[in-house]
Amino acid sequence: MSKDPDPTPEATALEPCKLTVLADELGDSTPALRFLSTYLSMLPDRMLRISNALCRHDVDASIDAILSLKVSSAMVGALETEDQCRAIELMIREDHFDSAVEAFPALQNSTDRCFAAGPQLLGKARESLCQSRIPRTT
């Protein structure tokens, strides 16, 4: 039995429908694309903030940092990252910092895939959003 090849990072990093919904809510694709670009550029600093807060066992800083990443990930369609943030948030709220620290590498891997695929993600998002804005003739 043949195994399906691993999906490319950009194929699994984002759910494009979420970005389309954001563009529809804003009435324009430009701010949605700008938000995605900002999201991607802020990933390294956000991950550093989360890591530092977790290592200090700082509940407030950890929750603030993880919620920021969770919400913005949901908005751009980074569903895996959002799910991992949700799990780490629960660990923090239940004062299981050791578990949260152990879960951090998986979150790091997820955000690394998003960051590495950034240019392709932006290109595909731009293409997808522009196509969804073209009026269809019947």
Protein backbone atom coordinates (compact mmCIF):
# COMPACT_ATOMS: atom_id res chain seq x y z
CA MET A 1 0.00 0.00 0.00
CA SER A 2 1.48 3.34 -0.98
CA LYS A 3 1.66 6.14 1.47
CA ASP A 4 0.43 9.58 0.46
CA PRO A 5 3.26 12.08 0.30
CA ASP A 6 3.46 14.51 3.17
CA PRO A 7 1.56 17.69 2.44
CA THR A 8 3.61 20.79 1.83
CA PRO A 9 3.94 23.15 4.80
CA GLU A 10 1.84 25.83 3.13
CA ALA A 11 -0.91 23.29 2.39
CA THR A 12 -1.34 22.45 6.06
CA ALA A 13 -0.39 25.73 7.70
CA LEU A 14 -3.55 27.72 6.93
CA GLU A 15 -7.21 27.12 6.21
CA PRO A 16 -7.88 29.69 3.44
CA CYS A 17 -11.62 29.90 4.15
CA LYS A 18 -10.92 31.74 7.42
CA LEU A 19 -9.01 34.49 5.63
CA THR A 20 -11.80 34.77 3.07
CA VAL A 21 -14.32 35.22 5.88
CA LEU A 22 -12.12 37.94 7.40
CA ALA A 23 -11.87 39.72 4.03
CA ASP A 24 -15.65 39.49 3.60
CA GLU A 25 -16.24 40.91 7.09
CA LEU A 26 -13.86 43.78 6.33
CA GLY A 27 -15.35 44.31 2.88
CA ASP A 28 -11.89 44.30 1.31
CA SER A 29 -9.09 41.77 0.88
CA THR A 30 -6.28 44.29 1.43
CA PRO A 31 -6.61 44.56 5.23
CA ALA A 32 -6.99 40.77 5.51
CA LEU A 33 -3.77 40.22 3.56
CA ARG A 34 -2.03 42.88 5.66
CA PHE A 35 -3.23 41.10 8.80
CA LEU A 36 -1.81 37.79 7.53
CA SER A 37 1.49 39.46 6.69
CA THR A 38 1.67 41.04 10.14
CA TYR A 39 0.70 37.73 11.78
CA LEU A 40 3.55 35.93 10.02
CA SER A 41 6.12 38.63 10.79
CA MET A 42 5.18 38.63 14.49
CA LEU A 43 5.39 34.85 14.99
CA PRO A 44 9.04 34.72 16.16
CA ASP A 45 8.52 37.44 18.79
CA ARG A 46 5.24 35.91 19.95
CA MET A 47 6.87 32.53 20.40
CA LEU A 48 9.73 34.09 22.37
CA ARG A 49 7.20 35.83 24.62
CA ILE A 50 5.35 32.56 25.24
CA SER A 51 8.56 30.64 25.91
CA ASN A 52 9.88 33.23 28.36
CA ALA A 53 6.58 33.45 30.23
CA LEU A 54 6.26 29.66 30.47
CA CYS A 55 9.81 29.27 31.75
CA ARG A 56 9.12 31.88 34.46
CA HIS A 57 5.81 30.17 35.31
CA ASP A 58 4.23 33.61 34.94
CA VAL A 59 0.49 32.94 34.67
CA ASP A 60 -0.55 36.42 33.52
CA ALA A 61 2.20 36.81 30.93
CA SER A 62 1.71 33.23 29.69
CA ILE A 63 -2.05 33.64 29.29
CA ASP A 64 -1.67 37.03 27.62
CA ALA A 65 0.88 35.72 25.12
CA ILE A 66 -0.92 32.46 24.34
CA LEU A 67 -4.31 34.17 23.93
CA SER A 68 -2.81 36.71 21.55
CA LEU A 69 -1.43 33.94 19.36
CA LYS A 70 -4.58 31.82 19.66
CA VAL A 71 -6.95 34.58 18.55
CA SER A 72 -4.80 35.84 15.69
CA SER A 73 -4.20 32.24 14.54
CA ALA A 74 -7.95 31.65 14.44
CA MET A 75 -8.44 34.80 12.38
CA VAL A 76 -5.92 33.78 9.70
CA GLY A 77 -6.92 30.11 9.68
CA ALA A 78 -3.84 28.64 11.39
CA LEU A 79 -6.05 25.99 12.94
CA GLU A 80 -3.30 23.66 14.19
CA THR A 81 -1.59 26.56 15.94
CA GLU A 82 -4.92 27.70 17.38
CA ASP A 83 -5.64 24.19 18.73
CA GLN A 84 -2.20 23.92 20.30
CA CYS A 85 -2.62 27.34 21.91
CA ARG A 86 -5.97 26.25 23.31
CA ALA A 87 -4.39 23.14 24.86
CA ILE A 88 -1.48 25.09 26.35
CA GLU A 89 -3.88 27.73 27.67
CA LEU A 90 -5.78 25.03 29.55
CA MET A 91 -2.54 23.64 30.98
CA ILE A 92 -1.57 27.11 32.20
CA ARG A 93 -4.98 27.78 33.73
CA GLU A 94 -4.76 24.45 35.57
CA ASP A 95 -1.24 25.36 36.77
CA HIS A 96 0.45 22.59 34.79
CA PHE A 97 3.40 24.64 33.61
CA ASP A 98 5.63 21.59 33.16
CA SER A 99 3.07 20.13 30.74
CA ALA A 100 2.77 23.47 28.95
CA VAL A 101 6.56 23.65 28.59
CA GLU A 102 6.57 20.09 27.22
CA ALA A 103 3.82 21.04 24.72
CA PHE A 104 5.70 24.13 23.56
CA PRO A 105 7.93 22.37 20.94
CA ALA A 106 4.87 21.16 19.01
CA LEU A 107 3.54 24.72 18.99
CA GLN A 108 6.96 25.94 17.86
CA ASN A 109 6.96 23.41 15.01
CA SER A 110 3.52 24.56 13.89
CA THR A 111 4.45 28.24 13.89
CA ASP A 112 7.79 27.45 12.21
CA ARG A 113 5.87 25.81 9.35
CA CYS A 114 3.64 28.87 9.02
CA PHE A 115 6.63 31.22 9.09
CA ALA A 116 8.65 29.17 6.58
CA ALA A 117 5.70 28.98 4.21
CA GLY A 118 4.95 32.69 4.65
CA PRO A 119 5.71 33.91 1.10
CA GLN A 120 3.78 31.02 -0.46
CA LEU A 121 0.90 31.50 1.98
CA LEU A 122 0.66 35.19 1.17
CA GLY A 123 0.78 34.50 -2.57
CA LYS A 124 -1.91 31.84 -2.38
CA ALA A 125 -4.06 33.97 -0.08
CA ARG A 126 -3.75 36.93 -2.44
CA GLU A 127 -4.67 34.75 -5.41
CA SER A 128 -7.57 33.10 -3.57
CA LEU A 129 -8.98 36.37 -2.24
CA CYS A 130 -8.70 38.08 -5.61
CA GLN A 131 -10.50 35.20 -7.33
CA SER A 132 -13.28 35.27 -4.75
CA ARG A 133 -13.77 38.99 -5.45
CA ILE A 134 -14.21 38.58 -9.22
CA PRO A 135 -17.89 38.91 -10.08
CA ARG A 136 -19.27 35.73 -11.55
CA THR A 137 -21.42 35.85 -14.65
CA THR A 138 -24.30 33.45 -15.01
